[in-house]
């Protein structure tokens, strides 16, 4: 069995603060069905001299992605979609995608048709060929120009924009971390007939009693938000309030599948424990054990 040494973990957290690796940290460990460690170090907000606490709210960025995957797999369980269906069966804008194929002798970009359609499975495993920001090819440039993750558009418009961007490679031929999870979110909307955030709230957060996890948090919770920091010249610098406020998503149309959730340590541990328990927690049945096993299995050649 794994021995939990509280003093050793406490010291590791303190070193993260002393080395300026982070402004504040917290850690929670469950073992054999019970909590065996909780600890904090540093500040939730250095400028306000506010210490890290158990109820501090964090912007969890790509830890949003597993939530989106669970939502789509619930709809798969319900028979709303098959993994090897063409994506265009549900989102027709992806029916005629082009693939970047290098440059010709004159230095102009070449584009070719896809050898097979993008499938739902591709979108779940990052093998569709999508980009995820700036990069070295004209396809990356097209992605930046299309701005599919602009915060003032909804998921439908995000996908319409993305469908105009050439793929980086033939579907299924490579793996590359991408915007695909935001396509998953659009699929959830299309298949369920609900707004993505509403579906996730009613089918995942409410059953799991994740009462403080959302894209848009009420004003009353803002004083509990952890401040945002970035490294400049090797030093941790706190972002101004206006920059941090943008990331609360209160005033934006987009509720992305790949990022944007804010959550607490206790809320997210309930989601994690649900997965570790095979899809259920405290009487809430989110997924079948076989579905969780499928999600945790290698899907790449």
C-alpha atoms as a PDB file:
ATOM      1  CA  UNK A   1       0.000   0.000   0.000  1.00  0.00           C
ATOM      2  CA  UNK A   2       1.048   3.602  -0.569  1.00  0.00           C
ATOM      3  CA  UNK A   3       2.051   5.419   2.611  1.00  0.00           C
ATOM      4  CA  UNK A   4       0.961   9.059   2.793  1.00  0.00           C
ATOM      5  CA  UNK A   5       3.597  11.200   4.507  1.00  0.00           C
ATOM      6  CA  UNK A   6       1.871  14.473   5.337  1.00  0.00           C
ATOM      7  CA  UNK A   7       5.051  16.270   6.355  1.00  0.00           C
ATOM      8  CA  UNK A   8       6.779  15.322   3.097  1.00  0.00           C
ATOM      9  CA  UNK A   9       3.865  16.584   0.978  1.00  0.00           C
ATOM     10  CA  UNK A  10       3.592  19.774   3.045  1.00  0.00           C
ATOM     11  CA  UNK A  11       7.293  20.425   2.442  1.00  0.00           C
ATOM     12  CA  UNK A  12       6.933  19.809  -1.306  1.00  0.00           C
ATOM     13  CA  UNK A  13       4.104  22.350  -1.516  1.00  0.00           C
ATOM     14  CA  UNK A  14       6.134  24.887   0.452  1.00  0.00           C
ATOM     15  CA  UNK A  15       9.085  24.409  -1.921  1.00  0.00           C
ATOM     16  CA  UNK A  16       6.830  25.220  -4.875  1.00  0.00           C
ATOM     17  CA  UNK A  17       6.042  28.577  -3.278  1.00  0.00           C
ATOM     18  CA  UNK A  18       9.593  29.282  -2.108  1.00  0.00           C
ATOM     19  CA  UNK A  19      10.970  28.632  -5.605  1.00  0.00           C
ATOM     20  CA  UNK A  20       8.296  30.929  -7.136  1.00  0.00           C
ATOM     21  CA  UNK A  21       6.950  28.053  -9.201  1.00  0.00           C
ATOM     22  CA  UNK A  22       3.435  29.028  -8.116  1.00  0.00           C
ATOM     23  CA  UNK A  23       1.700  31.759  -6.170  1.00  0.00           C
ATOM     24  CA  UNK A  24      -0.397  29.310  -4.188  1.00  0.00           C
ATOM     25  CA  UNK A  25      -1.130  25.584  -4.231  1.00  0.00           C
ATOM     26  CA  UNK A  26      -3.441  23.059  -2.612  1.00  0.00           C
ATOM     27  CA  UNK A  27      -3.536  19.276  -2.686  1.00  0.00           C
ATOM     28  CA  UNK A  28      -6.131  16.657  -1.784  1.00  0.00           C
ATOM     29  CA  UNK A  29      -5.630  12.884  -1.723  1.00  0.00           C
ATOM     30  CA  UNK A  30      -8.259  10.177  -1.411  1.00  0.00           C
ATOM     31  CA  UNK A  31      -7.197   6.612  -0.673  1.00  0.00           C
ATOM     32  CA  UNK A  32      -9.336   3.536  -0.043  1.00  0.00           C
ATOM     33  CA  UNK A  33     -12.538   5.560  -0.016  1.00  0.00           C
ATOM     34  CA  UNK A  34     -11.479   8.291   2.393  1.00  0.00           C
ATOM     35  CA  UNK A  35      -9.549  11.523   2.509  1.00  0.00           C
ATOM     36  CA  UNK A  36      -5.979  10.951   3.690  1.00  0.00           C
ATOM     37  CA  UNK A  37      -4.380  14.308   2.928  1.00  0.00           C
ATOM     38  CA  UNK A  38      -5.282  17.935   2.475  1.00  0.00           C
ATOM     39  CA  UNK A  39      -2.820  20.804   2.526  1.00  0.00           C
ATOM     40  CA  UNK A  40      -2.177  24.275   1.161  1.00  0.00           C
ATOM     41  CA  UNK A  41       0.738  26.647   0.733  1.00  0.00           C
ATOM     42  CA  UNK A  42       1.093  30.225  -0.453  1.00  0.00           C
ATOM     43  CA  UNK A  43      -1.524  32.722  -1.446  1.00  0.00           C
ATOM     44  CA  UNK A  44      -4.705  32.566  -3.482  1.00  0.00           C
ATOM     45  CA  UNK A  45      -4.104  36.276  -4.128  1.00  0.00           C
ATOM     46  CA  UNK A  46      -0.730  37.773  -3.246  1.00  0.00           C
ATOM     47  CA  UNK A  47      -1.770  41.380  -3.875  1.00  0.00           C
ATOM     48  CA  UNK A  48      -4.726  41.051  -1.500  1.00  0.00           C
ATOM     49  CA  UNK A  49      -2.716  38.964   1.010  1.00  0.00           C
ATOM     50  CA  UNK A  50      -5.410  36.280   0.752  1.00  0.00           C
ATOM     51  CA  UNK A  51      -4.150  32.778   1.651  1.00  0.00           C
ATOM     52  CA  UNK A  52      -4.966  29.636  -0.282  1.00  0.00           C
ATOM     53  CA  UNK A  53      -7.995  27.926   1.273  1.00  0.00           C
ATOM     54  CA  UNK A  54      -9.974  24.799   0.733  1.00  0.00           C
ATOM     55  CA  UNK A  55     -12.836  26.710  -0.906  1.00  0.00           C
ATOM     56  CA  UNK A  56     -10.624  28.717  -3.288  1.00  0.00           C
ATOM     57  CA  UNK A  57     -12.021  28.696  -6.826  1.00  0.00           C
ATOM     58  CA  UNK A  58      -9.567  27.934  -9.653  1.00  0.00           C
ATOM     59  CA  UNK A  59      -9.800  28.340 -13.401  1.00  0.00           C
ATOM     60  CA  UNK A  60      -9.086  24.757 -14.398  1.00  0.00           C
ATOM     61  CA  UNK A  61      -8.314  25.225 -18.103  1.00  0.00           C
ATOM     62  CA  UNK A  62      -7.903  21.852 -19.877  1.00  0.00           C
ATOM     63  CA  UNK A  63      -9.224  19.932 -16.882  1.00  0.00           C
ATOM     64  CA  UNK A  64     -12.487  20.974 -18.549  1.00  0.00           C
ATOM     65  CA  UNK A  65     -11.753  18.461 -21.302  1.00  0.00           C
ATOM     66  CA  UNK A  66     -12.536  15.241 -19.361  1.00  0.00           C
ATOM     67  CA  UNK A  67     -15.906  16.728 -18.391  1.00  0.00           C
ATOM     68  CA  UNK A  68     -16.724  17.285 -22.071  1.00  0.00           C
ATOM     69  CA  UNK A  69     -15.631  13.748 -22.934  1.00  0.00           C
ATOM     70  CA  UNK A  70     -17.914  12.328 -20.257  1.00  0.00           C
ATOM     71  CA  UNK A  71     -20.851  14.354 -21.622  1.00  0.00           C
ATOM     72  CA  UNK A  72     -20.358  13.031 -25.159  1.00  0.00           C
ATOM     73  CA  UNK A  73     -19.927   9.448 -23.956  1.00  0.00           C
ATOM     74  CA  UNK A  74     -23.207   9.696 -22.055  1.00  0.00           C
ATOM     75  CA  UNK A  75     -24.888  10.432 -25.370  1.00  0.00           C
ATOM     76  CA  UNK A  76     -22.991   7.540 -26.960  1.00  0.00           C
ATOM     77  CA  UNK A  77     -24.377   5.260 -24.236  1.00  0.00           C
ATOM     78  CA  UNK A  78     -27.841   6.572 -25.059  1.00  0.00           C
ATOM     79  CA  UNK A  79     -27.417   5.534 -28.701  1.00  0.00           C
ATOM     80  CA  UNK A  80     -27.417   9.094 -30.027  1.00  0.00           C
ATOM     81  CA  UNK A  81     -24.087   8.687 -31.845  1.00  0.00           C
ATOM     82  CA  UNK A  82     -21.645   5.993 -32.965  1.00  0.00           C
ATOM     83  CA  UNK A  83     -17.903   6.407 -32.621  1.00  0.00           C
ATOM     84  CA  UNK A  84     -17.105   5.553 -36.230  1.00  0.00           C
ATOM     85  CA  UNK A  85     -19.825   7.712 -37.752  1.00  0.00           C
ATOM     86  CA  UNK A  86     -18.605  10.562 -39.943  1.00  0.00           C
ATOM     87  CA  UNK A  87     -18.553  13.813 -38.006  1.00  0.00           C
ATOM     88  CA  UNK A  88     -20.426  15.434 -40.897  1.00  0.00           C
ATOM     89  CA  UNK A  89     -23.450  13.203 -40.195  1.00  0.00           C
ATOM     90  CA  UNK A  90     -24.125  15.461 -37.213  1.00  0.00           C
ATOM     91  CA  UNK A  91     -22.200  18.626 -38.136  1.00  0.00           C
ATOM     92  CA  UNK A  92     -22.531  18.957 -41.943  1.00  0.00           C
ATOM     93  CA  UNK A  93     -20.051  21.836 -42.133  1.00  0.00           C
ATOM     94  CA  UNK A  94     -17.249  19.234 -41.901  1.00  0.00           C
ATOM     95  CA  UNK A  95     -18.357  17.331 -45.028  1.00  0.00           C
ATOM     96  CA  UNK A  96     -15.734  18.699 -47.453  1.00  0.00           C
ATOM     97  CA  UNK A  97     -12.541  19.294 -45.527  1.00  0.00           C
ATOM     98  CA  UNK A  98      -9.191  19.976 -47.176  1.00  0.00           C
ATOM     99  CA  UNK A  99      -5.768  18.876 -45.937  1.00  0.00           C
ATOM    100  CA  UNK A 100      -2.572  20.913 -46.115  1.00  0.00           C
ATOM    101  CA  UNK A 101      -0.076  18.971 -48.261  1.00  0.00           C
ATOM    102  CA  UNK A 102       3.018  21.158 -48.248  1.00  0.00           C
ATOM    103  CA  UNK A 103       4.082  23.723 -50.835  1.00  0.00           C
ATOM    104  CA  UNK A 104       4.537  23.433 -54.581  1.00  0.00           C
ATOM    105  CA  UNK A 105       7.655  24.384 -56.555  1.00  0.00           C
ATOM    106  CA  UNK A 106       6.568  28.011 -56.563  1.00  0.00           C
ATOM    107  CA  UNK A 107       6.271  28.005 -52.773  1.00  0.00           C
ATOM    108  CA  UNK A 108       2.473  28.106 -52.759  1.00  0.00           C
ATOM    109  CA  UNK A 109       0.517  25.937 -50.297  1.00  0.00           C
ATOM    110  CA  UNK A 110      -1.080  22.772 -51.657  1.00  0.00           C
ATOM    111  CA  UNK A 111      -4.386  21.404 -50.391  1.00  0.00           C
ATOM    112  CA  UNK A 112      -5.895  18.003 -51.101  1.00  0.00           C
ATOM    113  CA  UNK A 113      -9.183  16.301 -50.280  1.00  0.00           C
ATOM    114  CA  UNK A 114      -9.477  14.066 -47.238  1.00  0.00           C
ATOM    115  CA  UNK A 115      -8.875  10.368 -47.930  1.00  0.00           C
ATOM    116  CA  UNK A 116     -11.641   9.483 -45.497  1.00  0.00           C
ATOM    117  CA  UNK A 117     -14.102  11.517 -43.428  1.00  0.00           C
ATOM    118  CA  UNK A 118     -13.304  12.758 -39.949  1.00  0.00           C
ATOM    119  CA  UNK A 119     -15.044  10.401 -37.529  1.00  0.00           C
ATOM    120  CA  UNK A 120     -16.450  10.990 -34.071  1.00  0.00           C
ATOM    121  CA  UNK A 121     -13.668   8.749 -32.751  1.00  0.00           C
ATOM    122  CA  UNK A 122     -11.093  11.077 -34.362  1.00  0.00           C
ATOM    123  CA  UNK A 123     -12.624  13.998 -32.531  1.00  0.00           C
ATOM    124  CA  UNK A 124     -12.439  12.093 -29.232  1.00  0.00           C
ATOM    125  CA  UNK A 125      -8.792  11.049 -29.620  1.00  0.00           C
ATOM    126  CA  UNK A 126      -7.222  14.118 -31.327  1.00  0.00           C
ATOM    127  CA  UNK A 127      -6.653  12.417 -34.685  1.00  0.00           C
ATOM    128  CA  UNK A 128      -8.981  14.585 -36.809  1.00  0.00           C
ATOM    129  CA  UNK A 129      -6.201  16.870 -38.088  1.00  0.00           C
ATOM    130  CA  UNK A 130      -7.311  20.084 -36.395  1.00  0.00           C
ATOM    131  CA  UNK A 131      -4.857  22.735 -35.258  1.00  0.00           C
ATOM    132  CA  UNK A 132      -4.933  24.478 -31.858  1.00  0.00           C
ATOM    133  CA  UNK A 133      -3.366  27.889 -32.360  1.00  0.00           C
ATOM    134  CA  UNK A 134      -0.420  29.372 -34.209  1.00  0.00           C
ATOM    135  CA  UNK A 135       2.171  27.170 -35.888  1.00  0.00           C
ATOM    136  CA  UNK A 136       4.576  26.768 -38.801  1.00  0.00           C
ATOM    137  CA  UNK A 137       2.152  26.038 -41.676  1.00  0.00           C
ATOM    138  CA  UNK A 138      -0.381  28.035 -43.723  1.00  0.00           C
ATOM    139  CA  UNK A 139      -3.052  25.840 -42.118  1.00  0.00           C
ATOM    140  CA  UNK A 140      -2.023  27.225 -38.733  1.00  0.00           C
ATOM    141  CA  UNK A 141      -2.223  30.730 -40.181  1.00  0.00           C
ATOM    142  CA  UNK A 142      -5.739  30.004 -41.428  1.00  0.00           C
ATOM    143  CA  UNK A 143      -6.685  28.784 -37.939  1.00  0.00           C
ATOM    144  CA  UNK A 144      -5.481  32.024 -36.355  1.00  0.00           C
ATOM    145  CA  UNK A 145      -7.326  34.091 -38.957  1.00  0.00           C
ATOM    146  CA  UNK A 146     -10.580  32.168 -38.440  1.00  0.00           C
ATOM    147  CA  UNK A 147     -10.407  32.674 -34.641  1.00  0.00           C
ATOM    148  CA  UNK A 148     -12.702  29.721 -33.850  1.00  0.00           C
ATOM    149  CA  UNK A 149     -12.342  30.234 -30.098  1.00  0.00           C
ATOM    150  CA  UNK A 150     -13.216  33.938 -30.007  1.00  0.00           C
ATOM    151  CA  UNK A 151     -15.128  34.483 -26.781  1.00  0.00           C
ATOM    152  CA  UNK A 152     -17.887  36.552 -28.394  1.00  0.00           C
ATOM    153  CA  UNK A 153     -19.258  33.693 -30.546  1.00  0.00           C
ATOM    154  CA  UNK A 154     -21.203  30.555 -29.664  1.00  0.00           C
ATOM    155  CA  UNK A 155     -20.204  26.939 -30.287  1.00  0.00           C
ATOM    156  CA  UNK A 156     -22.119  26.739 -33.562  1.00  0.00           C
ATOM    157  CA  UNK A 157     -20.221  29.692 -35.005  1.00  0.00           C
ATOM    158  CA  UNK A 158     -16.950  28.353 -33.589  1.00  0.00           C
ATOM    159  CA  UNK A 159     -17.439  25.147 -35.572  1.00  0.00           C
ATOM    160  CA  UNK A 160     -18.508  26.952 -38.729  1.00  0.00           C
ATOM    161  CA  UNK A 161     -15.248  28.893 -38.556  1.00  0.00           C
ATOM    162  CA  UNK A 162     -13.170  25.811 -37.799  1.00  0.00           C
ATOM    163  CA  UNK A 163     -14.642  23.940 -40.775  1.00  0.00           C
ATOM    164  CA  UNK A 164     -13.105  26.559 -43.096  1.00  0.00           C
ATOM    165  CA  UNK A 165      -9.585  25.815 -41.814  1.00  0.00           C
ATOM    166  CA  UNK A 166      -7.501  23.184 -43.663  1.00  0.00           C
ATOM    167  CA  UNK A 167      -6.507  20.115 -41.662  1.00  0.00           C
ATOM    168  CA  UNK A 168      -2.859  19.583 -40.722  1.00  0.00           C
ATOM    169  CA  UNK A 169      -2.883  15.928 -41.807  1.00  0.00           C
ATOM    170  CA  UNK A 170      -5.166  13.217 -43.132  1.00  0.00           C
ATOM    171  CA  UNK A 171      -7.773  12.147 -40.547  1.00  0.00           C
ATOM    172  CA  UNK A 172      -6.603   9.190 -38.484  1.00  0.00           C
ATOM    173  CA  UNK A 173      -2.990   9.345 -39.688  1.00  0.00           C
ATOM    174  CA  UNK A 174      -1.472  11.289 -36.794  1.00  0.00           C
ATOM    175  CA  UNK A 175      -2.153  12.470 -33.251  1.00  0.00           C
ATOM    176  CA  UNK A 176      -1.982  16.136 -32.306  1.00  0.00           C
ATOM    177  CA  UNK A 177      -3.492  17.905 -29.315  1.00  0.00           C
ATOM    178  CA  UNK A 178      -6.125  20.149 -30.823  1.00  0.00           C
ATOM    179  CA  UNK A 179      -9.370  22.079 -30.700  1.00  0.00           C
ATOM    180  CA  UNK A 180     -11.209  18.757 -31.128  1.00  0.00           C
ATOM    181  CA  UNK A 181     -12.743  18.872 -27.638  1.00  0.00           C
ATOM    182  CA  UNK A 182     -14.592  22.046 -28.576  1.00  0.00           C
ATOM    183  CA  UNK A 183     -16.010  20.078 -31.510  1.00  0.00           C
ATOM    184  CA  UNK A 184     -17.116  17.474 -28.964  1.00  0.00           C
ATOM    185  CA  UNK A 185     -18.986  20.232 -27.139  1.00  0.00           C
ATOM    186  CA  UNK A 186     -20.779  21.205 -30.354  1.00  0.00           C
ATOM    187  CA  UNK A 187     -21.724  17.553 -30.826  1.00  0.00           C
ATOM    188  CA  UNK A 188     -23.200  17.477 -27.326  1.00  0.00           C
ATOM    189  CA  UNK A 189     -25.363  20.469 -28.196  1.00  0.00           C
ATOM    190  CA  UNK A 190     -26.498  18.941 -31.497  1.00  0.00           C
ATOM    191  CA  UNK A 191     -27.224  15.483 -30.091  1.00  0.00           C
ATOM    192  CA  UNK A 192     -28.920  16.607 -26.891  1.00  0.00           C
ATOM    193  CA  UNK A 193     -30.825  19.635 -28.159  1.00  0.00           C
ATOM    194  CA  UNK A 194     -29.553  21.554 -25.116  1.00  0.00           C
ATOM    195  CA  UNK A 195     -26.988  24.287 -24.738  1.00  0.00           C
ATOM    196  CA  UNK A 196     -23.696  22.640 -23.844  1.00  0.00           C
ATOM    197  CA  UNK A 197     -23.345  24.278 -20.426  1.00  0.00           C
ATOM    198  CA  UNK A 198     -26.947  23.386 -19.551  1.00  0.00           C
ATOM    199  CA  UNK A 199     -26.424  19.747 -20.533  1.00  0.00           C
ATOM    200  CA  UNK A 200     -23.254  19.448 -18.455  1.00  0.00           C
ATOM    201  CA  UNK A 201     -24.870  21.092 -15.446  1.00  0.00           C
ATOM    202  CA  UNK A 202     -27.977  18.884 -15.451  1.00  0.00           C
ATOM    203  CA  UNK A 203     -26.310  15.577 -16.410  1.00  0.00           C
ATOM    204  CA  UNK A 204     -22.948  15.786 -14.618  1.00  0.00           C
ATOM    205  CA  UNK A 205     -22.573  18.612 -12.099  1.00  0.00           C
ATOM    206  CA  UNK A 206     -25.962  18.438 -10.389  1.00  0.00           C
ATOM    207  CA  UNK A 207     -26.025  14.621 -10.012  1.00  0.00           C
ATOM    208  CA  UNK A 208     -22.468  14.710  -8.613  1.00  0.00           C
ATOM    209  CA  UNK A 209     -23.291  17.657  -6.316  1.00  0.00           C
ATOM    210  CA  UNK A 210     -20.544  19.732  -7.949  1.00  0.00           C
ATOM    211  CA  UNK A 211     -22.250  22.911  -6.821  1.00  0.00           C
ATOM    212  CA  UNK A 212     -19.369  25.323  -7.488  1.00  0.00           C
ATOM    213  CA  UNK A 213     -18.216  24.255 -10.955  1.00  0.00           C
ATOM    214  CA  UNK A 214     -19.318  26.363 -13.928  1.00  0.00           C
ATOM    215  CA  UNK A 215     -18.184  28.440 -16.872  1.00  0.00           C
ATOM    216  CA  UNK A 216     -19.985  31.491 -15.502  1.00  0.00           C
ATOM    217  CA  UNK A 217     -19.669  32.057 -11.769  1.00  0.00           C
ATOM    218  CA  UNK A 218     -21.934  34.445  -9.840  1.00  0.00           C
ATOM    219  CA  UNK A 219     -20.457  37.693  -8.556  1.00  0.00           C
ATOM    220  CA  UNK A 220     -20.733  36.475  -4.962  1.00  0.00           C
ATOM    221  CA  UNK A 221     -18.022  33.880  -5.650  1.00  0.00           C
ATOM    222  CA  UNK A 222     -15.486  36.181  -7.288  1.00  0.00           C
ATOM    223  CA  UNK A 223     -13.739  37.036  -3.981  1.00  0.00           C
ATOM    224  CA  UNK A 224     -12.808  33.344  -3.694  1.00  0.00           C
ATOM    225  CA  UNK A 225     -11.134  33.153  -7.126  1.00  0.00           C
ATOM    226  CA  UNK A 226      -7.426  32.408  -7.188  1.00  0.00           C
ATOM    227  CA  UNK A 227      -5.476  35.216  -8.827  1.00  0.00           C
ATOM    228  CA  UNK A 228      -3.750  34.619 -12.163  1.00  0.00           C
ATOM    229  CA  UNK A 229       0.048  34.695 -12.510  1.00  0.00           C
ATOM    230  CA  UNK A 230       2.549  34.453 -15.329  1.00  0.00           C
ATOM    231  CA  UNK A 231       6.326  34.129 -15.460  1.00  0.00           C
ATOM    232  CA  UNK A 232       8.219  37.242 -16.605  1.00  0.00           C
ATOM    233  CA  UNK A 233      12.017  37.186 -16.547  1.00  0.00           C
ATOM    234  CA  UNK A 234      11.870  34.206 -14.213  1.00  0.00           C
ATOM    235  CA  UNK A 235       9.566  35.900 -11.719  1.00  0.00           C
ATOM    236  CA  UNK A 236       5.924  35.156 -10.961  1.00  0.00           C
ATOM    237  CA  UNK A 237       3.895  38.270 -11.814  1.00  0.00           C
ATOM    238  CA  UNK A 238       0.219  38.657 -10.919  1.00  0.00           C
ATOM    239  CA  UNK A 239      -2.079  39.561 -13.799  1.00  0.00           C
ATOM    240  CA  UNK A 240      -4.279  42.602 -13.438  1.00  0.00           C
ATOM    241  CA  UNK A 241      -7.899  42.165 -12.463  1.00  0.00           C
ATOM    242  CA  UNK A 242      -9.210  43.071 -15.920  1.00  0.00           C
ATOM    243  CA  UNK A 243      -7.206  40.273 -17.560  1.00  0.00           C
ATOM    244  CA  UNK A 244      -8.357  37.763 -14.971  1.00  0.00           C
ATOM    245  CA  UNK A 245     -11.971  38.896 -15.282  1.00  0.00           C
ATOM    246  CA  UNK A 246     -12.021  37.983 -18.973  1.00  0.00           C
ATOM    247  CA  UNK A 247     -11.489  34.363 -18.004  1.00  0.00           C
ATOM    248  CA  UNK A 248     -14.615  34.137 -15.865  1.00  0.00           C
ATOM    249  CA  UNK A 249     -16.760  33.842 -19.030  1.00  0.00           C
ATOM    250  CA  UNK A 250     -19.649  35.743 -17.460  1.00  0.00           C
ATOM    251  CA  UNK A 251     -19.893  38.219 -20.317  1.00  0.00           C
ATOM    252  CA  UNK A 252     -19.085  35.909 -23.241  1.00  0.00           C
ATOM    253  CA  UNK A 253     -21.155  33.705 -25.528  1.00  0.00           C
ATOM    254  CA  UNK A 254     -18.624  30.901 -25.795  1.00  0.00           C
ATOM    255  CA  UNK A 255     -18.778  27.965 -23.375  1.00  0.00           C
ATOM    256  CA  UNK A 256     -15.879  25.934 -24.786  1.00  0.00           C
ATOM    257  CA  UNK A 257     -15.462  22.216 -24.330  1.00  0.00           C
ATOM    258  CA  UNK A 258     -11.696  22.423 -24.023  1.00  0.00           C
ATOM    259  CA  UNK A 259     -11.287  25.054 -21.319  1.00  0.00           C
ATOM    260  CA  UNK A 260     -13.141  27.651 -19.292  1.00  0.00           C
ATOM    261  CA  UNK A 261     -14.530  25.859 -16.254  1.00  0.00           C
ATOM    262  CA  UNK A 262     -13.840  27.190 -12.790  1.00  0.00           C
ATOM    263  CA  UNK A 263     -14.002  24.745  -9.905  1.00  0.00           C
ATOM    264  CA  UNK A 264     -12.888  23.961  -6.372  1.00  0.00           C
ATOM    265  CA  UNK A 265     -10.685  21.180  -5.088  1.00  0.00           C
ATOM    266  CA  UNK A 266     -13.629  19.420  -3.435  1.00  0.00           C
ATOM    267  CA  UNK A 267     -15.869  19.719  -6.495  1.00  0.00           C
ATOM    268  CA  UNK A 268     -13.316  18.296  -8.902  1.00  0.00           C
ATOM    269  CA  UNK A 269     -12.398  15.426  -6.603  1.00  0.00           C
ATOM    270  CA  UNK A 270     -16.019  14.283  -6.867  1.00  0.00           C
ATOM    271  CA  UNK A 271     -15.678  14.136 -10.655  1.00  0.00           C
ATOM    272  CA  UNK A 272     -12.355  12.275 -10.356  1.00  0.00           C
ATOM    273  CA  UNK A 273     -13.744   9.815  -7.817  1.00  0.00           C
ATOM    274  CA  UNK A 274     -16.718   9.126 -10.090  1.00  0.00           C
ATOM    275  CA  UNK A 275     -14.311   8.031 -12.820  1.00  0.00           C
ATOM    276  CA  UNK A 276     -12.201   5.963 -10.406  1.00  0.00           C
ATOM    277  CA  UNK A 277     -15.392   4.292  -9.157  1.00  0.00           C
ATOM    278  CA  UNK A 278     -16.318   3.219 -12.679  1.00  0.00           C
ATOM    279  CA  UNK A 279     -18.817   5.969 -13.477  1.00  0.00           C
ATOM    280  CA  UNK A 280     -20.829   6.295 -10.247  1.00  0.00           C
ATOM    281  CA  UNK A 281     -20.548   8.195  -6.977  1.00  0.00           C
ATOM    282  CA  UNK A 282     -22.839   8.297  -3.949  1.00  0.00           C
ATOM    283  CA  UNK A 283     -25.758   6.889  -5.911  1.00  0.00           C
ATOM    284  CA  UNK A 284     -25.283   9.124  -8.954  1.00  0.00           C
ATOM    285  CA  UNK A 285     -24.784   7.033 -12.100  1.00  0.00           C
ATOM    286  CA  UNK A 286     -22.961   9.093 -14.712  1.00  0.00           C
ATOM    287  CA  UNK A 287     -21.481   6.393 -16.976  1.00  0.00           C
ATOM    288  CA  UNK A 288     -21.365   2.616 -17.165  1.00  0.00           C
ATOM    289  CA  UNK A 289     -18.156   0.935 -15.927  1.00  0.00           C
ATOM    290  CA  UNK A 290     -17.571  -0.450 -19.420  1.00  0.00           C
ATOM    291  CA  UNK A 291     -17.706   3.073 -20.859  1.00  0.00           C
ATOM    292  CA  UNK A 292     -15.146   4.367 -18.357  1.00  0.00           C
ATOM    293  CA  UNK A 293     -12.908   1.414 -19.248  1.00  0.00           C
ATOM    294  CA  UNK A 294     -13.265   2.242 -22.949  1.00  0.00           C
ATOM    295  CA  UNK A 295     -12.360   5.896 -22.277  1.00  0.00           C
ATOM    296  CA  UNK A 296      -9.270   4.827 -20.321  1.00  0.00           C
ATOM    297  CA  UNK A 297      -8.072   2.406 -23.022  1.00  0.00           C
ATOM    298  CA  UNK A 298      -5.443   3.199 -25.654  1.00  0.00           C
ATOM    299  CA  UNK A 299      -7.253   4.271 -28.813  1.00  0.00           C
ATOM    300  CA  UNK A 300      -4.168   4.834 -30.987  1.00  0.00           C
ATOM    301  CA  UNK A 301      -2.526   2.459 -33.435  1.00  0.00           C
END
